Amino acid sequence: MVYTLLPPVMMLLGVISCNKKTGKIGRAVYCVLFTALITFIQAIRYDVGTDYKSYKRIFTQLIGQELGEFGKSRLEKGYTVMLNIFANDVGDFRVYFALSALLFAGATGYWIYKYSSMPVVSCTAFVMYGMFFYSMNFLRQYTAAVVVLYSYEYIKKHDFLRFAAMVLFASCFHWSALIMLPMYFILQIRIQPVVLAIYSLISVLLFMGSTGIIQQVIDLFDRTGIMTRNLRGLMTGQEISYGVFPFYFIGYFILFILMVIFRKRAYEADKTTIIYLSSMFFLVMFEFWGLKHAIVSRFGMFFVMPGVLGMLPETIKAACGFTDDHFKQKKIMHVLVIAVFLAAASYFYGAFMVYRGNGCFPYQTWLPIFQYL
């Protein structure tokens, strides 16, 4: 019931509090309500998410440890320092999960308030396109992804130094954020038919030869002495040998195609959508590669929020503008546009529920009054 009611409640709150009459105040109120609701659901969860027990165990082990003892830990030092502060000052892992939820939801809500052209679309998409469930699981990588989300503002301003500083800070929480350094230049390439064809061809060729490429990289690392035990485990483990569920790729691909169809209007309305649409392509690409190697799909974490939260509102506005120019029944066509995008989101959200959403289903809580929801 929690997951079934969440999207309609999110949309209803947006319709009531975030509209032309309420202006910036209504927009702010809605984003605060979004933050509060998401934080509450995540804060009272218990054993929800594939990584819940792992992070609970790590939290418990860090209680009483000194910072100097972290040198042997395989975890990124930024994360272990933050976690150690929580462990020693708070002591209760439930409070740690609650504070993490507040951090994630608050940072996302503020970004939506400041940069989204349609907060109700972005907030609902956050729930329905997986970001809500990602934030319940991959705490280290999601922390890095939130930092990277704000670094996109420096791509818009063509400020590489500050962008690089943000990415390096994000890598203190998860090393995979380093992939964003070259993406500063790549994301500024405008998605057009020729560019899309080249990107797609390269993606397919790499997909076909991925197994051989991975083996060559392993051999190179062995010869140079770079290979560590953790790195070898990463490159030969289970997540390399099997893929993720196809719905990730299919759901994001459907959304990307809709965005491409209305890209010209979106580009004309806001040039920053060039970056958002490029981000959406690389999200689809990593999920495509993830069909064969599950661990590769994790890199999509750095593209899903800018791609979906930033580009989807602009795409819906562009689609409504298109119908205004070609049909007389404007309100009816607007409803139809929303219905199409909502159907695409429902497919993704429904698939997430069917496949247990990274261990988020069924919902359980440590509050007795809510334990049967």
Protein backbone atom coordinates (compact mmCIF):
# COMPACT_ATOMS: atom_id res chain seq x y z
CA MET A 1 0.00 0.00 0.00
CA VAL A 2 2.89 2.37 0.76
CA TYR A 3 4.30 2.05 -2.75
CA THR A 4 0.92 1.95 -4.49
CA LEU A 5 -0.30 5.18 -2.92
CA LEU A 6 2.95 7.13 -3.09
CA PRO A 7 2.82 8.28 -6.77
CA PRO A 8 -0.82 9.50 -6.71
CA VAL A 9 -0.25 11.21 -3.35
CA MET A 10 2.84 12.92 -4.76
CA MET A 11 0.90 14.14 -7.80
CA LEU A 12 -2.08 15.27 -5.73
CA LEU A 13 0.12 17.28 -3.37
CA GLY A 14 1.71 18.92 -6.40
CA VAL A 15 -1.61 19.87 -7.97
CA ILE A 16 -2.81 21.39 -4.69
CA SER A 17 0.28 23.25 -3.55
CA CYS A 18 2.36 23.87 -6.68
CA ASN A 19 0.55 25.91 -9.33
CA LYS A 20 0.49 29.37 -10.89
CA LYS A 21 -1.62 30.87 -8.09
CA THR A 22 0.65 29.76 -5.27
CA GLY A 23 3.84 30.74 -7.12
CA LYS A 24 7.24 30.30 -5.48
CA ILE A 25 5.73 29.79 -2.04
CA GLY A 26 3.64 26.87 -3.25
CA ARG A 27 6.64 25.48 -5.09
CA ALA A 28 8.72 25.64 -1.90
CA VAL A 29 5.93 24.09 0.20
CA TYR A 30 5.57 21.23 -2.25
CA CYS A 31 9.29 20.46 -2.26
CA VAL A 32 9.31 20.53 1.56
CA LEU A 33 6.36 18.11 1.61
CA PHE A 34 8.22 15.89 -0.88
CA THR A 35 11.29 15.90 1.37
CA ALA A 36 9.26 15.14 4.48
CA LEU A 37 7.26 12.29 2.92
CA ILE A 38 10.25 10.56 1.32
CA THR A 39 12.32 10.97 4.49
CA PHE A 40 9.56 9.53 6.68
CA ILE A 41 9.03 6.43 4.51
CA GLN A 42 12.75 5.71 4.35
CA ALA A 43 13.43 6.55 8.00
CA ILE A 44 10.99 4.04 9.50
CA ARG A 45 11.90 1.16 7.18
CA TYR A 46 13.41 -2.00 8.61
CA ASP A 47 15.41 -4.56 6.62
CA VAL A 48 14.20 -2.89 3.40
CA GLY A 49 16.68 -2.91 0.52
CA THR A 50 19.40 -5.34 -0.52
CA ASP A 51 22.14 -3.38 1.25
CA TYR A 52 20.29 -2.66 4.50
CA LYS A 53 21.88 -5.46 6.53
CA SER A 54 25.34 -4.76 5.12
CA TYR A 55 25.28 -1.08 6.07
CA LYS A 56 23.77 -1.92 9.44
CA ARG A 57 26.66 -4.33 10.09
CA ILE A 58 29.28 -1.78 8.97
CA PHE A 59 27.68 0.87 11.18
CA THR A 60 27.77 -1.42 14.21
CA GLN A 61 31.41 -2.39 13.59
CA LEU A 62 32.50 1.25 13.47
CA ILE A 63 31.14 2.11 16.91
CA GLY A 64 34.08 2.94 19.17
CA GLN A 65 36.69 2.92 16.40
CA GLU A 66 39.15 5.78 15.97
CA LEU A 67 39.66 7.52 12.64
CA GLY A 68 43.20 6.16 12.45
CA GLU A 69 41.84 2.62 12.19
CA PHE A 70 40.25 3.27 8.80
CA GLY A 71 43.43 2.81 6.78
CA LYS A 72 42.77 -0.88 6.11
CA SER A 73 39.12 -0.45 5.17
CA ARG A 74 38.21 -1.02 1.52
CA LEU A 75 35.44 1.58 1.79
CA GLU A 76 36.01 5.11 0.51
CA LYS A 77 37.40 7.32 3.26
CA GLY A 78 34.84 10.09 2.90
CA TYR A 79 32.07 7.61 3.58
CA THR A 80 33.82 5.91 6.51
CA VAL A 81 34.60 9.24 8.19
CA MET A 82 30.97 10.34 7.89
CA LEU A 83 29.72 6.94 9.05
CA ASN A 84 32.11 6.92 12.01
CA ILE A 85 30.78 10.28 13.16
CA PHE A 86 27.24 8.92 13.01
CA ALA A 87 28.22 5.66 14.73
CA ASN A 88 29.94 7.32 17.68
CA ASP A 89 27.68 10.33 18.13
CA VAL A 90 24.33 8.65 17.40
CA GLY A 91 24.83 4.97 18.22
CA ASP A 92 21.51 3.79 16.76
CA PHE A 93 21.65 2.58 13.17
CA ARG A 94 17.99 3.57 12.66
CA VAL A 95 18.91 7.20 13.30
CA TYR A 96 21.74 6.82 10.77
CA PHE A 97 19.32 5.59 8.09
CA ALA A 98 16.92 8.43 8.96
CA LEU A 99 19.66 11.05 8.65
CA SER A 100 20.78 9.53 5.34
CA ALA A 101 17.19 9.65 4.09
CA LEU A 102 16.89 13.30 5.11
CA LEU A 103 20.16 14.13 3.36
CA PHE A 104 19.13 12.44 0.12
CA ALA A 105 15.54 13.68 0.05
CA GLY A 106 16.48 17.18 1.17
CA ALA A 107 19.22 17.56 -1.43
CA THR A 108 16.97 16.21 -4.18
CA GLY A 109 14.01 18.34 -3.08
CA TYR A 110 16.11 21.49 -3.04
CA TRP A 111 17.53 20.74 -6.50
CA ILE A 112 13.99 20.24 -7.84
CA TYR A 113 12.84 23.48 -6.20
CA LYS A 114 15.71 25.44 -7.70
CA TYR A 115 16.13 23.91 -11.16
CA SER A 116 13.07 21.90 -12.26
CA SER A 117 10.61 23.63 -14.55
CA MET A 118 7.79 21.37 -13.27
CA PRO A 119 8.41 20.17 -9.69
CA VAL A 120 5.37 17.88 -9.63
CA VAL A 121 6.76 15.99 -12.65
CA SER A 122 10.26 15.73 -11.18
CA CYS A 123 9.06 14.61 -7.73
CA THR A 124 6.72 11.99 -9.17
CA ALA A 125 9.44 10.80 -11.54
CA PHE A 126 11.83 10.48 -8.61
CA VAL A 127 9.47 7.90 -7.13
CA MET A 128 8.41 6.09 -10.30
CA TYR A 129 11.72 5.90 -12.18
CA GLY A 130 13.72 4.11 -9.51
CA MET A 131 15.61 6.93 -7.77
CA PHE A 132 13.51 6.53 -4.64
CA PHE A 133 14.53 2.86 -4.38
CA TYR A 134 18.16 3.48 -5.36
CA SER A 135 18.47 5.85 -2.41
CA MET A 136 17.34 3.04 -0.09
CA ASN A 137 20.17 0.77 -1.18
CA PHE A 138 23.40 2.08 -2.65
CA LEU A 139 24.16 4.55 0.12
CA ARG A 140 27.79 5.21 -0.81
CA GLN A 141 27.18 5.52 -4.52
CA TYR A 142 23.95 7.44 -4.06
CA THR A 143 25.76 9.97 -1.85
CA ALA A 144 28.25 10.42 -4.68
CA ALA A 145 25.40 10.69 -7.20
CA VAL A 146 23.77 13.52 -5.23
CA VAL A 147 27.06 15.44 -5.24
CA VAL A 148 27.42 14.79 -8.99
CA LEU A 149 23.86 16.05 -9.54
CA TYR A 150 24.89 19.48 -8.24
CA SER A 151 28.11 19.37 -10.28
CA TYR A 152 26.02 19.51 -13.47
CA GLU A 153 25.46 23.21 -12.74
CA TYR A 154 29.16 23.80 -13.46
CA ILE A 155 28.82 22.06 -16.83
CA LYS A 156 26.14 24.61 -17.66
CA LYS A 157 28.50 27.41 -16.63
CA HIS A 158 31.47 25.83 -18.50
CA ASP A 159 33.49 25.79 -15.28
CA PHE A 160 35.63 22.66 -15.46
CA LEU A 161 37.71 23.33 -12.34
CA ARG A 162 34.73 23.56 -10.00
CA PHE A 163 33.09 20.63 -11.77
CA ALA A 164 36.24 18.53 -11.29
CA ALA A 165 36.43 19.53 -7.62
CA MET A 166 32.85 18.35 -7.08
CA VAL A 167 33.52 15.06 -8.86
CA LEU A 168 36.66 14.43 -6.81
CA PHE A 169 34.67 15.13 -3.66
CA ALA A 170 31.99 12.69 -4.85
CA SER A 171 34.69 10.04 -5.41
CA CYS A 172 35.45 10.21 -1.67
CA PHE A 173 32.10 8.45 -1.22
CA HIS A 174 32.30 6.14 -4.25
CA TRP A 175 35.23 5.78 -6.65
CA SER A 176 32.96 5.27 -9.68
CA ALA A 177 32.19 9.02 -9.68
CA LEU A 178 35.56 9.52 -11.42
CA ILE A 179 33.89 8.45 -14.66
CA MET A 180 32.30 11.90 -14.74
CA LEU A 181 35.60 13.74 -15.41
CA PRO A 182 35.64 12.99 -19.17
CA MET A 183 31.84 13.29 -19.25
CA TYR A 184 32.22 17.06 -18.69
CA PHE A 185 33.16 17.35 -22.37
CA ILE A 186 31.01 14.53 -23.77
CA LEU A 187 27.74 15.69 -22.18
CA GLN A 188 28.00 19.02 -23.98
CA ILE A 189 27.71 17.30 -27.38
CA ARG A 190 24.23 17.90 -28.74
CA ILE A 191 22.20 14.75 -29.40
CA GLN A 192 21.35 14.75 -33.11
CA PRO A 193 20.62 11.85 -35.52
CA VAL A 194 24.26 11.50 -36.66
CA VAL A 195 25.65 11.73 -33.12
CA LEU A 196 23.02 9.29 -31.87
CA ALA A 197 23.89 6.83 -34.66
CA ILE A 198 27.60 6.98 -33.82
CA TYR A 199 26.96 6.59 -30.09
CA SER A 200 24.64 3.64 -30.72
CA LEU A 201 27.07 1.87 -33.04
CA ILE A 202 29.92 2.20 -30.54
CA SER A 203 27.64 0.98 -27.73
CA VAL A 204 26.59 -2.13 -29.67
CA LEU A 205 30.17 -2.98 -30.70
CA LEU A 206 31.41 -2.65 -27.10
CA PHE A 207 28.46 -4.74 -25.91
CA MET A 208 29.35 -7.52 -28.36
CA GLY A 209 33.03 -7.55 -27.43
CA SER A 210 32.67 -6.79 -23.73
CA THR A 211 33.76 -10.20 -22.43
CA GLY A 212 37.01 -10.11 -24.38
CA ILE A 213 37.64 -6.49 -23.36
CA ILE A 214 37.21 -7.32 -19.68
CA GLN A 215 39.64 -10.23 -19.96
CA GLN A 216 42.21 -8.03 -21.69
CA VAL A 217 41.89 -5.43 -18.93
CA ILE A 218 42.38 -8.13 -16.28
CA ASP A 219 45.51 -9.38 -18.10
CA LEU A 220 46.86 -5.83 -18.36
CA PHE A 221 46.27 -5.17 -14.66
CA ASP A 222 47.99 -8.45 -13.79
CA ARG A 223 51.06 -7.58 -15.86
CA THR A 224 51.37 -4.06 -14.45
CA GLY A 225 50.72 -5.04 -10.84
CA ILE A 226 47.66 -2.79 -10.59
CA MET A 227 45.35 -5.69 -9.81
CA THR A 228 44.39 -5.91 -6.16
CA ARG A 229 42.30 -8.57 -4.47
CA ASN A 230 39.27 -6.27 -4.28
CA LEU A 231 39.66 -5.20 -7.90
CA ARG A 232 39.95 -8.80 -9.07
CA GLY A 233 36.85 -9.72 -7.11
CA LEU A 234 35.03 -6.82 -8.75
CA MET A 235 36.06 -7.82 -12.29
CA THR A 236 35.43 -11.55 -11.91
CA GLY A 237 32.50 -11.60 -9.48
CA GLN A 238 28.88 -12.52 -10.02
CA GLU A 239 27.80 -9.04 -11.11
CA ILE A 240 30.16 -9.29 -14.08
CA SER A 241 28.81 -12.66 -15.21
CA TYR A 242 25.07 -11.90 -15.15
CA GLY A 243 22.88 -9.01 -16.21
CA VAL A 244 20.13 -6.90 -14.68
CA PHE A 245 16.43 -7.25 -15.44
CA PRO A 246 15.59 -6.00 -18.98
CA PHE A 247 12.92 -3.58 -17.73
CA TYR A 248 15.60 -1.12 -16.62
CA PHE A 249 16.82 -0.73 -20.18
CA ILE A 250 13.36 -0.92 -21.76
CA GLY A 251 11.81 1.63 -19.39
CA TYR A 252 14.57 4.20 -19.74
CA PHE A 253 14.78 3.56 -23.51
CA ILE A 254 11.06 4.32 -23.97
CA LEU A 255 11.47 7.55 -22.02
CA PHE A 256 14.58 8.50 -24.00
CA ILE A 257 12.77 8.00 -27.33
CA LEU A 258 9.96 10.30 -26.18
CA MET A 259 12.57 12.88 -25.18
CA VAL A 260 14.31 12.63 -28.56
CA ILE A 261 11.03 13.15 -30.41
CA PHE A 262 10.45 16.52 -28.72
CA ARG A 263 14.11 17.51 -28.30
CA LYS A 264 14.06 20.44 -30.75
CA ARG A 265 11.38 22.30 -28.82
CA ALA A 266 13.13 21.51 -25.56
CA TYR A 267 16.45 22.79 -26.94
CA GLU A 268 14.79 26.02 -28.06
CA ALA A 269 13.15 26.56 -24.67
CA ASP A 270 16.28 25.86 -22.61
CA LYS A 271 19.78 25.17 -23.93
CA THR A 272 20.73 23.28 -20.77
CA THR A 273 18.50 20.43 -21.97
CA ILE A 274 21.36 19.50 -24.29
CA ILE A 275 23.24 18.29 -21.21
CA TYR A 276 20.19 16.57 -19.73
CA LEU A 277 19.36 14.66 -22.92
CA SER A 278 22.98 13.55 -23.31
CA SER A 279 22.85 12.35 -19.72
CA MET A 280 19.70 10.39 -20.54
CA PHE A 281 21.43 8.66 -23.44
CA PHE A 282 24.30 7.48 -21.24
CA LEU A 283 21.82 6.22 -18.67
CA VAL A 284 20.25 4.07 -21.39
CA MET A 285 23.68 2.99 -22.63
CA PHE A 286 24.85 1.77 -19.22
CA GLU A 287 21.57 -0.08 -18.66
CA PHE A 288 22.02 -1.66 -22.10
CA TRP A 289 25.49 -2.88 -21.14
CA GLY A 290 24.02 -3.92 -17.80
CA LEU A 291 21.91 -6.52 -19.59
CA LYS A 292 25.15 -8.47 -19.94
CA HIS A 293 27.19 -7.22 -16.97
CA ALA A 294 25.05 -6.11 -14.05
CA ILE A 295 27.77 -4.11 -12.33
CA VAL A 296 28.11 -1.77 -15.32
CA SER A 297 24.54 -0.56 -14.84
CA ARG A 298 25.65 0.99 -11.53
CA PHE A 299 27.35 3.79 -13.49
CA GLY A 300 23.89 4.89 -14.62
CA MET A 301 23.41 6.27 -11.10
CA PHE A 302 25.27 9.43 -12.12
CA PHE A 303 22.99 10.09 -15.09
CA VAL A 304 19.51 9.10 -13.94
CA MET A 305 18.71 12.17 -11.81
CA PRO A 306 19.86 14.86 -14.27
CA GLY A 307 18.44 12.90 -17.20
CA VAL A 308 15.01 12.21 -15.73
CA LEU A 309 14.43 15.02 -13.21
CA GLY A 310 15.88 17.67 -15.51
CA MET A 311 14.76 16.54 -18.98
CA LEU A 312 11.34 15.01 -18.35
CA PRO A 313 9.59 18.27 -17.34
CA GLU A 314 11.02 20.02 -20.40
CA THR A 315 9.88 17.15 -22.62
CA ILE A 316 6.33 17.27 -21.30
CA LYS A 317 6.22 21.04 -21.83
CA ALA A 318 7.54 20.57 -25.37
CA ALA A 319 4.96 17.85 -26.09
CA CYS A 320 2.14 20.08 -24.83
CA GLY A 321 3.47 22.93 -26.98
CA PHE A 322 3.44 20.63 -29.99
CA THR A 323 -0.20 19.65 -29.43
CA ASP A 324 -1.15 23.32 -28.95
CA ASP A 325 0.20 24.07 -32.43
CA HIS A 326 -1.53 21.16 -34.15
CA PHE A 327 -4.80 20.53 -32.30
CA LYS A 328 -7.71 22.71 -31.25
CA GLN A 329 -8.69 20.62 -28.22
CA LYS A 330 -5.74 21.80 -26.13
CA LYS A 331 -6.88 20.59 -22.72
CA ILE A 332 -7.82 17.16 -24.02
CA MET A 333 -4.46 16.82 -25.75
CA HIS A 334 -2.63 17.91 -22.60
CA VAL A 335 -4.40 15.16 -20.69
CA LEU A 336 -3.43 12.70 -23.42
CA VAL A 337 0.23 13.78 -23.24
CA ILE A 338 0.29 13.33 -19.47
CA ALA A 339 -1.43 9.95 -19.85
CA VAL A 340 1.25 8.73 -22.29
CA PHE A 341 4.12 9.75 -20.04
CA LEU A 342 2.35 8.40 -16.97
CA ALA A 343 1.81 5.06 -18.73
CA ALA A 344 5.54 4.84 -19.50
CA ALA A 345 6.37 5.62 -15.86
CA SER A 346 3.80 3.10 -14.62
CA TYR A 347 5.43 0.35 -16.69
CA PHE A 348 8.79 1.05 -15.04
CA TYR A 349 7.32 1.43 -11.55
CA GLY A 350 5.18 -1.68 -11.94
CA ALA A 351 8.16 -3.74 -13.09
CA PHE A 352 10.09 -2.50 -10.07
CA MET A 353 7.34 -3.77 -7.80
CA VAL A 354 7.13 -7.13 -9.59
CA TYR A 355 10.88 -7.69 -9.27
CA ARG A 356 10.99 -6.46 -5.64
CA GLY A 357 12.84 -3.21 -6.38
CA ASN A 358 16.34 -4.13 -5.18
CA GLY A 359 14.90 -5.80 -2.12
CA CYS A 360 12.57 -2.92 -1.19
CA PHE A 361 9.48 -5.14 -1.37
CA PRO A 362 7.63 -5.92 0.76
CA TYR A 363 7.79 -2.78 2.85
CA GLN A 364 8.60 -3.40 6.51
CA THR A 365 8.99 -0.96 9.39
CA TRP A 366 10.19 -1.00 12.98
CA LEU A 367 7.10 1.04 14.03
CA PRO A 368 4.46 -1.49 15.17
CA ILE A 369 1.53 0.71 14.11
CA PHE A 370 2.68 0.58 10.47
CA GLN A 371 4.06 -2.95 10.30
CA TYR A 372 1.24 -4.37 8.21
CA LEU A 373 1.29 -1.71 5.46
